[in-house]
Amino acid sequence: MAEAHDQLHATIVGRVEDPLASLMPGASPADVTRTAHVCLAVYKSGLELVLAHEGAERGACVQEIKDVLVRCPRGSSLGGRPMPPPGHPDCAPRRGCLECG
Protein backbone atom coordinates (compact mmCIF):
# COMPACT_ATOMS: atom_id res chain seq x y z
CA MET A 1 0.00 0.00 0.00
CA ALA A 2 2.84 2.41 0.84
CA GLU A 3 4.42 1.78 -2.57
CA ALA A 4 1.17 2.62 -4.33
CA HIS A 5 0.87 5.83 -2.31
CA ASP A 6 4.45 6.82 -3.09
CA GLN A 7 3.88 6.15 -6.81
CA LEU A 8 0.69 8.25 -6.81
CA HIS A 9 2.49 11.07 -5.01
CA ALA A 10 5.39 10.98 -7.50
CA THR A 11 2.97 10.97 -10.45
CA ILE A 12 1.06 13.98 -9.12
CA VAL A 13 4.25 15.92 -8.38
CA GLY A 14 5.46 15.16 -11.91
CA ARG A 15 2.24 16.47 -13.40
CA VAL A 16 2.47 19.63 -11.33
CA GLU A 17 6.11 20.21 -12.30
CA ASP A 18 5.38 20.59 -16.02
CA PRO A 19 3.13 23.67 -15.82
CA LEU A 20 5.19 25.08 -12.95
CA ALA A 21 8.34 25.03 -15.06
CA SER A 22 6.67 27.39 -17.54
CA LEU A 23 5.71 29.73 -14.68
CA MET A 24 9.23 29.65 -13.25
CA PRO A 25 11.55 30.52 -16.14
CA GLY A 26 15.18 30.17 -15.17
CA ALA A 27 14.44 28.11 -12.07
CA SER A 28 16.50 25.01 -11.50
CA PRO A 29 14.79 21.61 -11.75
CA ALA A 30 15.29 21.22 -7.99
CA ASP A 31 13.45 24.50 -7.36
CA VAL A 32 10.57 23.44 -9.60
CA THR A 33 10.33 20.07 -7.84
CA ARG A 34 10.41 21.72 -4.41
CA THR A 35 7.66 24.14 -5.41
CA ALA A 36 5.58 21.26 -6.80
CA HIS A 37 5.86 19.46 -3.46
CA VAL A 38 4.81 22.62 -1.61
CA CYS A 39 1.84 23.17 -3.94
CA LEU A 40 0.70 19.59 -3.41
CA ALA A 41 1.05 19.94 0.38
CA VAL A 42 -0.96 23.18 0.35
CA TYR A 43 -3.66 21.54 -1.76
CA LYS A 44 -3.88 18.48 0.49
CA SER A 45 -4.01 20.59 3.65
CA GLY A 46 -6.55 22.91 2.12
CA LEU A 47 -8.77 20.03 1.11
CA GLU A 48 -9.26 19.14 4.78
CA LEU A 49 -10.22 22.74 5.51
CA VAL A 50 -12.69 22.85 2.62
CA LEU A 51 -14.34 19.60 3.67
CA ALA A 52 -14.75 20.90 7.22
CA HIS A 53 -16.93 23.83 6.07
CA GLU A 54 -20.15 24.34 4.16
CA GLY A 55 -21.82 27.04 2.12
CA ALA A 56 -20.22 30.44 1.74
CA GLU A 57 -17.39 29.60 4.14
CA ARG A 58 -16.45 26.58 2.03
CA GLY A 59 -16.40 28.77 -1.08
CA ALA A 60 -14.23 31.32 0.70
CA CYS A 61 -11.79 28.57 1.73
CA VAL A 62 -11.61 27.30 -1.86
CA GLN A 63 -10.83 30.82 -3.09
CA GLU A 64 -8.11 31.31 -0.47
CA ILE A 65 -6.44 28.05 -1.49
CA LYS A 66 -6.60 29.05 -5.16
CA ASP A 67 -5.03 32.42 -4.31
CA VAL A 68 -2.20 30.74 -2.42
CA LEU A 69 -1.53 28.25 -5.20
CA VAL A 70 -1.53 30.92 -7.90
CA ARG A 71 0.92 33.10 -5.97
CA CYS A 72 3.22 30.28 -4.83
CA PRO A 73 5.12 29.58 -8.06
CA ARG A 74 5.29 33.20 -9.10
CA GLY A 75 6.75 34.16 -5.73
CA SER A 76 9.29 31.39 -6.14
CA SER A 77 10.38 32.69 -9.53
CA LEU A 78 10.94 36.09 -7.92
CA GLY A 79 13.35 34.75 -5.37
CA GLY A 80 10.66 34.00 -2.81
CA ARG A 81 9.17 37.49 -2.74
CA PRO A 82 5.38 37.29 -2.61
CA MET A 83 3.29 38.58 -5.46
CA PRO A 84 0.75 41.31 -4.78
CA PRO A 85 -2.87 40.23 -4.40
CA PRO A 86 -4.66 39.47 -7.69
CA GLY A 87 -5.92 42.65 -9.32
CA HIS A 88 -3.74 44.88 -7.15
CA PRO A 89 -3.58 48.33 -8.79
CA ASP A 90 -0.29 49.83 -9.89
CA CYS A 91 1.68 46.64 -9.26
CA ALA A 92 4.79 45.78 -11.20
CA PRO A 93 5.24 42.06 -10.48
CA ARG A 94 8.61 41.72 -12.16
CA ARG A 95 9.98 44.36 -9.79
CA GLY A 96 8.82 42.16 -6.91
CA CYS A 97 6.07 44.54 -5.80
CA LEU A 98 5.22 44.06 -2.14
CA GLU A 99 1.97 46.00 -2.17
CA CYS A 100 3.66 48.53 -4.52
CA GLY A 101 6.40 49.25 -2.03
PDB file of N, CA and C in Angstrom:
ATOM      1  N   MET A   1       0.822  -1.190   0.000  1.00  0.00           N
ATOM      2  CA  MET A   1       0.000   0.000   0.000  1.00  0.00           C
ATOM      3  C   MET A   1       0.875   1.267   0.000  1.00  0.00           C
ATOM      4  N   ALA A   2       1.952   1.249   0.783  1.00  0.00           N
ATOM      5  CA  ALA A   2       2.841   2.405   0.838  1.00  0.00           C
ATOM      6  C   ALA A   2       3.483   2.672  -0.518  1.00  0.00           C
ATOM      7  N   GLU A   3       3.825   1.613  -1.249  1.00  0.00           N
ATOM      8  CA  GLU A   3       4.423   1.782  -2.571  1.00  0.00           C
ATOM      9  C   GLU A   3       3.445   2.440  -3.533  1.00  0.00           C
ATOM     10  N   ALA A   4       2.190   2.024  -3.470  1.00  0.00           N
ATOM     11  CA  ALA A   4       1.166   2.620  -4.333  1.00  0.00           C
ATOM     12  C   ALA A   4       0.983   4.097  -4.004  1.00  0.00           C
ATOM     13  N   HIS A   5       1.004   4.430  -2.728  1.00  0.00           N
ATOM     14  CA  HIS A   5       0.874   5.825  -2.306  1.00  0.00           C
ATOM     15  C   HIS A   5       2.057   6.648  -2.803  1.00  0.00           C
ATOM     16  N   ASP A   6       3.257   6.108  -2.638  1.00  0.00           N
ATOM     17  CA  ASP A   6       4.454   6.816  -3.094  1.00  0.00           C
ATOM     18  C   ASP A   6       4.436   7.034  -4.610  1.00  0.00           C
ATOM     19  N   GLN A   7       3.966   6.029  -5.346  1.00  0.00           N
ATOM     20  CA  GLN A   7       3.877   6.148  -6.806  1.00  0.00           C
ATOM     21  C   GLN A   7       2.863   7.215  -7.203  1.00  0.00           C
ATOM     22  N   LEU A   8       1.719   7.239  -6.524  1.00  0.00           N
ATOM     23  CA  LEU A   8       0.694   8.251  -6.806  1.00  0.00           C
ATOM     24  C   LEU A   8       1.248   9.639  -6.520  1.00  0.00           C
ATOM     25  N   HIS A   9       1.916   9.785  -5.385  1.00  0.00           N
ATOM     26  CA  HIS A   9       2.493  11.075  -5.011  1.00  0.00           C
ATOM     27  C   HIS A   9       3.507  11.541  -6.064  1.00  0.00           C
ATOM     28  N   ALA A  10       4.387  10.643  -6.489  1.00  0.00           N
ATOM     29  CA  ALA A  10       5.392  10.983  -7.498  1.00  0.00           C
ATOM     30  C   ALA A  10       4.741  11.362  -8.822  1.00  0.00           C
ATOM     31  N   THR A  11       3.677  10.672  -9.196  1.00  0.00           N
ATOM     32  CA  THR A  11       2.974  10.973 -10.447  1.00  0.00           C
ATOM     33  C   THR A  11       2.341  12.357 -10.388  1.00  0.00           C
ATOM     34  N   ILE A  12       1.700  12.664  -9.256  1.00  0.00           N
ATOM     35  CA  ILE A  12       1.056  13.980  -9.119  1.00  0.00           C
ATOM     36  C   ILE A  12       2.101  15.089  -9.136  1.00  0.00           C
ATOM     37  N   VAL A  13       3.189  14.904  -8.395  1.00  0.00           N
ATOM     38  CA  VAL A  13       4.247  15.922  -8.378  1.00  0.00           C
ATOM     39  C   VAL A  13       4.782  16.127  -9.798  1.00  0.00           C
ATOM     40  N   GLY A  14       4.986  15.045 -10.531  1.00  0.00           N
ATOM     41  CA  GLY A  14       5.455  15.159 -11.910  1.00  0.00           C
ATOM     42  C   GLY A  14       4.504  15.943 -12.792  1.00  0.00           C
ATOM     43  N   ARG A  15       3.217  15.727 -12.599  1.00  0.00           N
ATOM     44  CA  ARG A  15       2.235  16.466 -13.401  1.00  0.00           C
ATOM     45  C   ARG A  15       2.153  17.928 -13.017  1.00  0.00           C
ATOM     46  N   VAL A  16       2.465  18.240 -11.776  1.00  0.00           N
ATOM     47  CA  VAL A  16       2.468  19.632 -11.331  1.00  0.00           C
ATOM     48  C   VAL A  16       3.734  20.346 -11.810  1.00  0.00           C
ATOM     49  N   GLU A  17       4.838  19.609 -11.890  1.00  0.00           N
ATOM     50  CA  GLU A  17       6.113  20.211 -12.298  1.00  0.00           C
ATOM     51  C   GLU A  17       6.060  20.794 -13.709  1.00  0.00           C
ATOM     52  N   ASP A  18       5.387  20.128 -14.621  1.00  0.00           N
ATOM     53  CA  ASP A  18       5.380  20.593 -16.016  1.00  0.00           C
ATOM     54  C   ASP A  18       4.822  22.007 -16.164  1.00  0.00           C
ATOM     55  N   PRO A  19       3.607  22.287 -15.681  1.00  0.00           N
ATOM     56  CA  PRO A  19       3.133  23.666 -15.815  1.00  0.00           C
ATOM     57  C   PRO A  19       3.911  24.650 -14.942  1.00  0.00           C
ATOM     58  N   LEU A  20       4.409  24.182 -13.797  1.00  0.00           N
ATOM     59  CA  LEU A  20       5.193  25.080 -12.945  1.00  0.00           C
ATOM     60  C   LEU A  20       6.455  25.552 -13.648  1.00  0.00           C
ATOM     61  N   ALA A  21       7.100  24.666 -14.370  1.00  0.00           N
ATOM     62  CA  ALA A  21       8.340  25.034 -15.056  1.00  0.00           C
ATOM     63  C   ALA A  21       8.114  26.216 -16.000  1.00  0.00           C
ATOM     64  N   SER A  22       6.945  26.261 -16.638  1.00  0.00           N
ATOM     65  CA  SER A  22       6.670  27.390 -17.542  1.00  0.00           C
ATOM     66  C   SER A  22       6.391  28.675 -16.769  1.00  0.00           C
ATOM     67  N   LEU A  23       5.954  28.545 -15.511  1.00  0.00           N
ATOM     68  CA  LEU A  23       5.706  29.727 -14.682  1.00  0.00           C
ATOM     69  C   LEU A  23       6.954  30.193 -13.944  1.00  0.00           C
ATOM     70  N   MET A  24       7.997  29.359 -13.981  1.00  0.00           N
ATOM     71  CA  MET A  24       9.231  29.653 -13.251  1.00  0.00           C
ATOM     72  C   MET A  24      10.428  29.649 -14.194  1.00  0.00           C
ATOM     73  N   PRO A  25      10.437  30.534 -15.189  1.00  0.00           N
ATOM     74  CA  PRO A  25      11.553  30.520 -16.135  1.00  0.00           C
ATOM     75  C   PRO A  25      12.873  30.782 -15.415  1.00  0.00           C
ATOM     76  N   GLY A  26      13.866  30.001 -15.774  1.00  0.00           N
ATOM     77  CA  GLY A  26      15.180  30.170 -15.172  1.00  0.00           C
ATOM     78  C   GLY A  26      15.374  29.440 -13.858  1.00  0.00           C
ATOM     79  N   ALA A  27      14.309  28.844 -13.333  1.00  0.00           N
ATOM     80  CA  ALA A  27      14.440  28.109 -12.074  1.00  0.00           C
ATOM     81  C   ALA A  27      15.108  26.767 -12.336  1.00  0.00           C
ATOM     82  N   SER A  28      15.847  26.308 -11.363  1.00  0.00           N
ATOM     83  CA  SER A  28      16.495  25.008 -11.499  1.00  0.00           C
ATOM     84  C   SER A  28      15.443  23.904 -11.361  1.00  0.00           C
ATOM     85  N   PRO A  29      15.724  22.733 -11.918  1.00  0.00           N
ATOM     86  CA  PRO A  29      14.789  21.608 -11.749  1.00  0.00           C
ATOM     87  C   PRO A  29      14.505  21.307 -10.279  1.00  0.00           C
ATOM     88  N   ALA A  30      15.498  21.459  -9.426  1.00  0.00           N
ATOM     89  CA  ALA A  30      15.293  21.217  -7.989  1.00  0.00           C
ATOM     90  C   ALA A  30      14.307  22.221  -7.396  1.00  0.00           C
ATOM     91  N   ASP A  31      14.392  23.484  -7.840  1.00  0.00           N
ATOM     92  CA  ASP A  31      13.451  24.502  -7.357  1.00  0.00           C
ATOM     93  C   ASP A  31      12.029  24.197  -7.824  1.00  0.00           C
ATOM     94  N   VAL A  32      11.896  23.774  -9.069  1.00  0.00           N
ATOM     95  CA  VAL A  32      10.572  23.438  -9.604  1.00  0.00           C
ATOM     96  C   VAL A  32       9.988  22.251  -8.828  1.00  0.00           C
ATOM     97  N   THR A  33      10.795  21.239  -8.584  1.00  0.00           N
ATOM     98  CA  THR A  33      10.330  20.069  -7.838  1.00  0.00           C
ATOM     99  C   THR A  33       9.922  20.450  -6.421  1.00  0.00           C
ATOM    100  N   ARG A  34      10.729  21.273  -5.764  1.00  0.00           N
ATOM    101  CA  ARG A  34      10.406  21.715  -4.409  1.00  0.00           C
ATOM    102  C   ARG A  34       9.077  22.473  -4.395  1.00  0.00           C
ATOM    103  N   THR A  35       8.897  23.368  -5.345  1.00  0.00           N
ATOM    104  CA  THR A  35       7.663  24.138  -5.414  1.00  0.00           C
ATOM    105  C   THR A  35       6.472  23.229  -5.696  1.00  0.00           C
ATOM    106  N   ALA A  36       6.653  22.219  -6.528  1.00  0.00           N
ATOM    107  CA  ALA A  36       5.580  21.260  -6.796  1.00  0.00           C
ATOM    108  C   ALA A  36       5.181  20.522  -5.525  1.00  0.00           C
ATOM    109  N   HIS A  37       6.164  20.122  -4.733  1.00  0.00           N
ATOM    110  CA  HIS A  37       5.863  19.456  -3.460  1.00  0.00           C
ATOM    111  C   HIS A  37       5.100  20.386  -2.516  1.00  0.00           C
ATOM    112  N   VAL A  38       5.495  21.653  -2.468  1.00  0.00           N
ATOM    113  CA  VAL A  38       4.811  22.623  -1.608  1.00  0.00           C
ATOM    114  C   VAL A  38       3.384  22.838  -2.090  1.00  0.00           C
ATOM    115  N   CYS A  39       3.197  22.979  -3.394  1.00  0.00           N
ATOM    116  CA  CYS A  39       1.845  23.166  -3.936  1.00  0.00           C
ATOM    117  C   CYS A  39       0.947  21.982  -3.597  1.00  0.00           C
ATOM    118  N   LEU A  40       1.480  20.782  -3.733  1.00  0.00           N
ATOM    119  CA  LEU A  40       0.697  19.594  -3.406  1.00  0.00           C
ATOM    120  C   LEU A  40       0.361  19.564  -1.918  1.00  0.00           C
ATOM    121  N   ALA A  41       1.299  19.916  -1.063  1.00  0.00           N
ATOM    122  CA  ALA A  41       1.050  19.939   0.381  1.00  0.00           C
ATOM    123  C   ALA A  41      -0.016  20.969   0.741  1.00  0.00           C
ATOM    124  N   VAL A  42       0.046  22.144   0.113  1.00  0.00           N
ATOM    125  CA  VAL A  42      -0.962  23.180   0.353  1.00  0.00           C
ATOM    126  C   VAL A  42      -2.333  22.680  -0.084  1.00  0.00           C
ATOM    127  N   TYR A  43      -2.387  22.063  -1.253  1.00  0.00           N
ATOM    128  CA  TYR A  43      -3.659  21.538  -1.761  1.00  0.00           C
ATOM    129  C   TYR A  43      -4.237  20.488  -0.812  1.00  0.00           C
ATOM    130  N   LYS A  44      -3.401  19.551  -0.388  1.00  0.00           N
ATOM    131  CA  LYS A  44      -3.877  18.480   0.488  1.00  0.00           C
ATOM    132  C   LYS A  44      -4.352  19.031   1.837  1.00  0.00           C
ATOM    133  N   SER A  45      -3.611  19.974   2.379  1.00  0.00           N
ATOM    134  CA  SER A  45      -4.013  20.588   3.650  1.00  0.00           C
ATOM    135  C   SER A  45      -5.290  21.396   3.483  1.00  0.00           C
ATOM    136  N   GLY A  46      -5.367  22.102   2.387  1.00  0.00           N
ATOM    137  CA  GLY A  46      -6.551  22.912   2.122  1.00  0.00           C
ATOM    138  C   GLY A  46      -7.796  22.085   1.906  1.00  0.00           C
ATOM    139  N   LEU A  47      -7.632  20.906   1.348  1.00  0.00           N
ATOM    140  CA  LEU A  47      -8.766  20.031   1.113  1.00  0.00           C
ATOM    141  C   LEU A  47      -9.457  19.676   2.427  1.00  0.00           C
ATOM    142  N   GLU A  48      -8.677  19.420   3.468  1.00  0.00           N
ATOM    143  CA  GLU A  48      -9.257  19.145   4.785  1.00  0.00           C
ATOM    144  C   GLU A  48     -10.061  20.338   5.278  1.00  0.00           C
ATOM    145  N   LEU A  49      -9.528  21.520   5.092  1.00  0.00           N
ATOM    146  CA  LEU A  49     -10.216  22.743   5.513  1.00  0.00           C
ATOM    147  C   LEU A  49     -11.524  22.924   4.751  1.00  0.00           C
ATOM    148  N   VAL A  50     -11.484  22.711   3.450  1.00  0.00           N
ATOM    149  CA  VAL A  50     -12.691  22.850   2.623  1.00  0.00           C
ATOM    150  C   VAL A  50     -13.761  21.858   3.063  1.00  0.00           C
ATOM    151  N   LEU A  51     -13.369  20.614   3.296  1.00  0.00           N
ATOM    152  CA  LEU A  51     -14.337  19.596   3.668  1.00  0.00           C
ATOM    153  C   LEU A  51     -14.929  19.822   5.054  1.00  0.00           C
ATOM    154  N   ALA A  52     -14.258  20.616   5.871  1.00  0.00           N
ATOM    155  CA  ALA A  52     -14.754  20.897   7.218  1.00  0.00           C
ATOM    156  C   ALA A  52     -15.772  22.032   7.246  1.00  0.00           C
ATOM    157  N   HIS A  53     -16.004  22.687   6.124  1.00  0.00           N
ATOM    158  CA  HIS A  53     -16.929  23.826   6.073  1.00  0.00           C
ATOM    159  C   HIS A  53     -18.010  23.600   5.024  1.00  0.00           C
ATOM    160  N   GLU A  54     -19.052  24.413   5.120  1.00  0.00           N
ATOM    161  CA  GLU A  54     -20.148  24.345   4.156  1.00  0.00           C
ATOM    162  C   GLU A  54     -20.515  25.746   3.687  1.00  0.00           C
ATOM    163  N   GLY A  55     -21.251  25.787   2.610  1.00  0.00           N
ATOM    164  CA  GLY A  55     -21.820  27.036   2.117  1.00  0.00           C
ATOM    165  C   GLY A  55     -20.783  28.068   1.730  1.00  0.00           C
ATOM    166  N   ALA A  56     -21.069  29.311   2.117  1.00  0.00           N
ATOM    167  CA  ALA A  56     -20.218  30.439   1.744  1.00  0.00           C
ATOM    168  C   ALA A  56     -18.812  30.307   2.314  1.00  0.00           C
ATOM    169  N   GLU A  57     -18.709  29.763   3.523  1.00  0.00           N
ATOM    170  CA  GLU A  57     -17.391  29.603   4.137  1.00  0.00           C
ATOM    171  C   GLU A  57     -16.540  28.609   3.353  1.00  0.00           C
ATOM    172  N   ARG A  58     -17.174  27.556   2.853  1.00  0.00           N
ATOM    173  CA  ARG A  58     -16.449  26.584   2.025  1.00  0.00           C
ATOM    174  C   ARG A  58     -15.946  27.266   0.761  1.00  0.00           C
ATOM    175  N   GLY A  59     -16.806  28.041   0.120  1.00  0.00           N
ATOM    176  CA  GLY A  59     -16.403  28.765  -1.081  1.00  0.00           C
ATOM    177  C   GLY A  59     -15.259  29.731  -0.815  1.00  0.00           C
ATOM    178  N   ALA A  60     -15.306  30.390   0.338  1.00  0.00           N
ATOM    179  CA  ALA A  60     -14.234  31.318   0.701  1.00  0.00           C
ATOM    180  C   ALA A  60     -12.919  30.560   0.911  1.00  0.00           C
ATOM    181  N   CYS A  61     -12.998  29.393   1.525  1.00  0.00           N
ATOM    182  CA  CYS A  61     -11.790  28.572   1.727  1.00  0.00           C
ATOM    183  C   CYS A  61     -11.211  28.131   0.389  1.00  0.00           C
ATOM    184  N   VAL A  62     -12.070  27.714  -0.525  1.00  0.00           N
ATOM    185  CA  VAL A  62     -11.613  27.304  -1.857  1.00  0.00           C
ATOM    186  C   VAL A  62     -10.890  28.461  -2.537  1.00  0.00           C
ATOM    187  N   GLN A  63     -11.453  29.662  -2.455  1.00  0.00           N
ATOM    188  CA  GLN A  63     -10.829  30.819  -3.094  1.00  0.00           C
ATOM    189  C   GLN A  63      -9.477  31.139  -2.466  1.00  0.00           C
ATOM    190  N   GLU A  64      -9.384  31.051  -1.144  1.00  0.00           N
ATOM    191  CA  GLU A  64      -8.108  31.309  -0.467  1.00  0.00           C
ATOM    192  C   GLU A  64      -7.037  30.330  -0.930  1.00  0.00           C
ATOM    193  N   ILE A  65      -7.402  29.061  -1.050  1.00  0.00           N
ATOM    194  CA  ILE A  65      -6.439  28.048  -1.492  1.00  0.00           C
ATOM    195  C   ILE A  65      -5.997  28.333  -2.923  1.00  0.00           C
ATOM    196  N   LYS A  66      -6.954  28.697  -3.780  1.00  0.00           N
ATOM    197  CA  LYS A  66      -6.597  29.045  -5.156  1.00  0.00           C
ATOM    198  C   LYS A  66      -5.638  30.232  -5.176  1.00  0.00           C
ATOM    199  N   ASP A  67      -5.912  31.237  -4.359  1.00  0.00           N
ATOM    200  CA  ASP A  67      -5.035  32.418  -4.311  1.00  0.00           C
ATOM    201  C   ASP A  67      -3.619  32.035  -3.886  1.00  0.00           C
ATOM    202  N   VAL A  68      -3.515  31.181  -2.879  1.00  0.00           N
ATOM    203  CA  VAL A  68      -2.197  30.739  -2.416  1.00  0.00           C
ATOM    204  C   VAL A  68      -1.473  29.981  -3.524  1.00  0.00           C
ATOM    205  N   LEU A  69      -2.171  29.068  -4.172  1.00  0.00           N
ATOM    206  CA  LEU A  69      -1.531  28.247  -5.198  1.00  0.00           C
ATOM    207  C   LEU A  69      -1.129  29.059  -6.424  1.00  0.00           C
ATOM    208  N   VAL A  70      -1.877  30.078  -6.748  1.00  0.00           N
ATOM    209  CA  VAL A  70      -1.531  30.922  -7.895  1.00  0.00           C
ATOM    210  C   VAL A  70      -0.310  31.768  -7.570  1.00  0.00           C
ATOM    211  N   ARG A  71      -0.204  32.251  -6.349  1.00  0.00           N
ATOM    212  CA  ARG A  71       0.925  33.095  -5.966  1.00  0.00           C
ATOM    213  C   ARG A  71       2.186  32.306  -5.694  1.00  0.00           C
ATOM    214  N   CYS A  72       2.060  31.070  -5.254  1.00  0.00           N
ATOM    215  CA  CYS A  72       3.215  30.275  -4.826  1.00  0.00           C
ATOM    216  C   CYS A  72       4.311  30.183  -5.889  1.00  0.00           C
ATOM    217  N   PRO A  73       4.033  29.697  -7.098  1.00  0.00           N
ATOM    218  CA  PRO A  73       5.125  29.576  -8.063  1.00  0.00           C
ATOM    219  C   PRO A  73       5.659  30.906  -8.544  1.00  0.00           C
ATOM    220  N   ARG A  74       4.812  31.901  -8.633  1.00  0.00           N
ATOM    221  CA  ARG A  74       5.294  33.200  -9.097  1.00  0.00           C
ATOM    222  C   ARG A  74       6.217  33.819  -8.067  1.00  0.00           C
ATOM    223  N   GLY A  75       5.861  33.674  -6.783  1.00  0.00           N
ATOM    224  CA  GLY A  75       6.748  34.162  -5.727  1.00  0.00           C
ATOM    225  C   GLY A  75       8.085  33.450  -5.770  1.00  0.00           C
ATOM    226  N   SER A  76       8.055  32.148  -6.066  1.00  0.00           N
ATOM    227  CA  SER A  76       9.293  31.385  -6.135  1.00  0.00           C
ATOM    228  C   SER A  76      10.172  31.884  -7.268  1.00  0.00           C
ATOM    229  N   SER A  77       9.576  32.231  -8.397  1.00  0.00           N
ATOM    230  CA  SER A  77      10.377  32.686  -9.526  1.00  0.00           C
ATOM    231  C   SER A  77      10.929  34.085  -9.293  1.00  0.00           C
ATOM    232  N   LEU A  78      10.434  34.764  -8.263  1.00  0.00           N
ATOM    233  CA  LEU A  78      10.937  36.090  -7.923  1.00  0.00           C
ATOM    234  C   LEU A  78      11.844  36.031  -6.706  1.00  0.00           C
ATOM    235  N   GLY A  79      12.443  34.877  -6.496  1.00  0.00           N
ATOM    236  CA  GLY A  79      13.350  34.751  -5.367  1.00  0.00           C
ATOM    237  C   GLY A  79      12.627  34.652  -4.037  1.00  0.00           C
ATOM    238  N   GLY A  80      11.394  34.187  -4.044  1.00  0.00           N
ATOM    239  CA  GLY A  80      10.659  34.001  -2.810  1.00  0.00           C
ATOM    240  C   GLY A  80       9.849  35.211  -2.376  1.00  0.00           C
ATOM    241  N   ARG A  81       9.948  36.318  -3.112  1.00  0.00           N
ATOM    242  CA  ARG A  81       9.169  37.494  -2.739  1.00  0.00           C
ATOM    243  C   ARG A  81       7.727  37.278  -3.155  1.00  0.00           C
ATOM    244  N   PRO A  82       6.771  37.545  -2.272  1.00  0.00           N
ATOM    245  CA  PRO A  82       5.376  37.293  -2.614  1.00  0.00           C
ATOM    246  C   PRO A  82       4.869  38.254  -3.677  1.00  0.00           C
ATOM    247  N   MET A  83       3.946  37.749  -4.468  1.00  0.00           N
ATOM    248  CA  MET A  83       3.286  38.579  -5.460  1.00  0.00           C
ATOM    249  C   MET A  83       2.221  39.414  -4.763  1.00  0.00           C
ATOM    250  N   PRO A  84       1.847  40.543  -5.347  1.00  0.00           N
ATOM    251  CA  PRO A  84       0.745  41.310  -4.782  1.00  0.00           C
ATOM    252  C   PRO A  84      -0.551  40.544  -4.966  1.00  0.00           C
ATOM    253  N   PRO A  85      -1.583  40.907  -4.232  1.00  0.00           N
ATOM    254  CA  PRO A  85      -2.869  40.234  -4.399  1.00  0.00           C
ATOM    255  C   PRO A  85      -3.355  40.374  -5.831  1.00  0.00           C
ATOM    256  N   PRO A  86      -4.126  39.388  -6.332  1.00  0.00           N
ATOM    257  CA  PRO A  86      -4.655  39.472  -7.693  1.00  0.00           C
ATOM    258  C   PRO A  86      -5.450  40.769  -7.890  1.00  0.00           C
ATOM    259  N   GLY A  87      -5.196  41.424  -9.003  1.00  0.00           N
ATOM    260  CA  GLY A  87      -5.919  42.654  -9.320  1.00  0.00           C
ATOM    261  C   GLY A  87      -5.417  43.877  -8.570  1.00  0.00           C
ATOM    262  N   HIS A  88      -4.277  43.761  -7.901  1.00  0.00           N
ATOM    263  CA  HIS A  88      -3.742  44.883  -7.147  1.00  0.00           C
ATOM    264  C   HIS A  88      -3.383  46.009  -8.110  1.00  0.00           C
ATOM    265  N   PRO A  89      -3.870  47.223  -7.868  1.00  0.00           N
ATOM    266  CA  PRO A  89      -3.585  48.328  -8.787  1.00  0.00           C
ATOM    267  C   PRO A  89      -2.125  48.764  -8.710  1.00  0.00           C
ATOM    268  N   ASP A  90      -1.630  49.247  -9.821  1.00  0.00           N
ATOM    269  CA  ASP A  90      -0.287  49.828  -9.888  1.00  0.00           C
ATOM    270  C   ASP A  90       0.845  48.872  -9.563  1.00  0.00           C
ATOM    271  N   CYS A  91       0.596  47.550  -9.619  1.00  0.00           N
ATOM    272  CA  CYS A  91       1.682  46.641  -9.263  1.00  0.00           C
ATOM    273  C   CYS A  91       2.582  46.391 -10.465  1.00  0.00           C
ATOM    274  N   ALA A  92       3.814  46.136 -10.177  1.00  0.00           N
ATOM    275  CA  ALA A  92       4.791  45.777 -11.202  1.00  0.00           C
ATOM    276  C   ALA A  92       5.425  44.477 -10.738  1.00  0.00           C
ATOM    277  N   PRO A  93       4.776  43.336 -11.016  1.00  0.00           N
ATOM    278  CA  PRO A  93       5.237  42.056 -10.476  1.00  0.00           C
ATOM    279  C   PRO A  93       6.694  41.738 -10.744  1.00  0.00           C
ATOM    280  N   ARG A  94       7.221  42.073 -11.880  1.00  0.00           N
ATOM    281  CA  ARG A  94       8.605  41.718 -12.163  1.00  0.00           C
ATOM    282  C   ARG A  94       9.586  42.533 -11.337  1.00  0.00           C
ATOM    283  N   ARG A  95       9.134  43.617 -10.729  1.00  0.00           N
ATOM    284  CA  ARG A  95       9.983  44.359  -9.793  1.00  0.00           C
ATOM    285  C   ARG A  95       9.879  43.762  -8.399  1.00  0.00           C
ATOM    286  N   GLY A  96       8.989  42.772  -8.215  1.00  0.00           N
ATOM    287  CA  GLY A  96       8.819  42.164  -6.908  1.00  0.00           C
ATOM    288  C   GLY A  96       7.980  43.035  -5.991  1.00  0.00           C
ATOM    289  N   CYS A  97       6.959  43.653  -6.545  1.00  0.00           N
ATOM    290  CA  CYS A  97       6.075  44.540  -5.799  1.00  0.00           C
ATOM    291  C   CYS A  97       5.562  43.876  -4.524  1.00  0.00           C
ATOM    292  N   LEU A  98       5.793  44.494  -3.416  1.00  0.00           N
ATOM    293  CA  LEU A  98       5.224  44.061  -2.140  1.00  0.00           C
ATOM    294  C   LEU A  98       4.203  45.123  -1.750  1.00  0.00           C
ATOM    295  N   GLU A  99       3.031  44.999  -2.341  1.00  0.00           N
ATOM    296  CA  GLU A  99       1.971  46.002  -2.172  1.00  0.00           C
ATOM    297  C   GLU A  99       2.472  47.361  -2.679  1.00  0.00           C
ATOM    298  N   CYS A 100       3.145  47.334  -3.840  1.00  0.00           N
ATOM    299  CA  CYS A 100       3.659  48.529  -4.522  1.00  0.00           C
ATOM    300  C   CYS A 100       4.670  49.305  -3.671  1.00  0.00           C
ATOM    301  N   GLY A 101       5.415  48.579  -2.877  1.00  0.00           N
ATOM    302  CA  GLY A 101       6.397  49.251  -2.032  1.00  0.00           C
ATOM    303  C   GLY A 101       7.764  49.272  -2.632  1.00  0.00           C
TER     304      GLY A 101
END
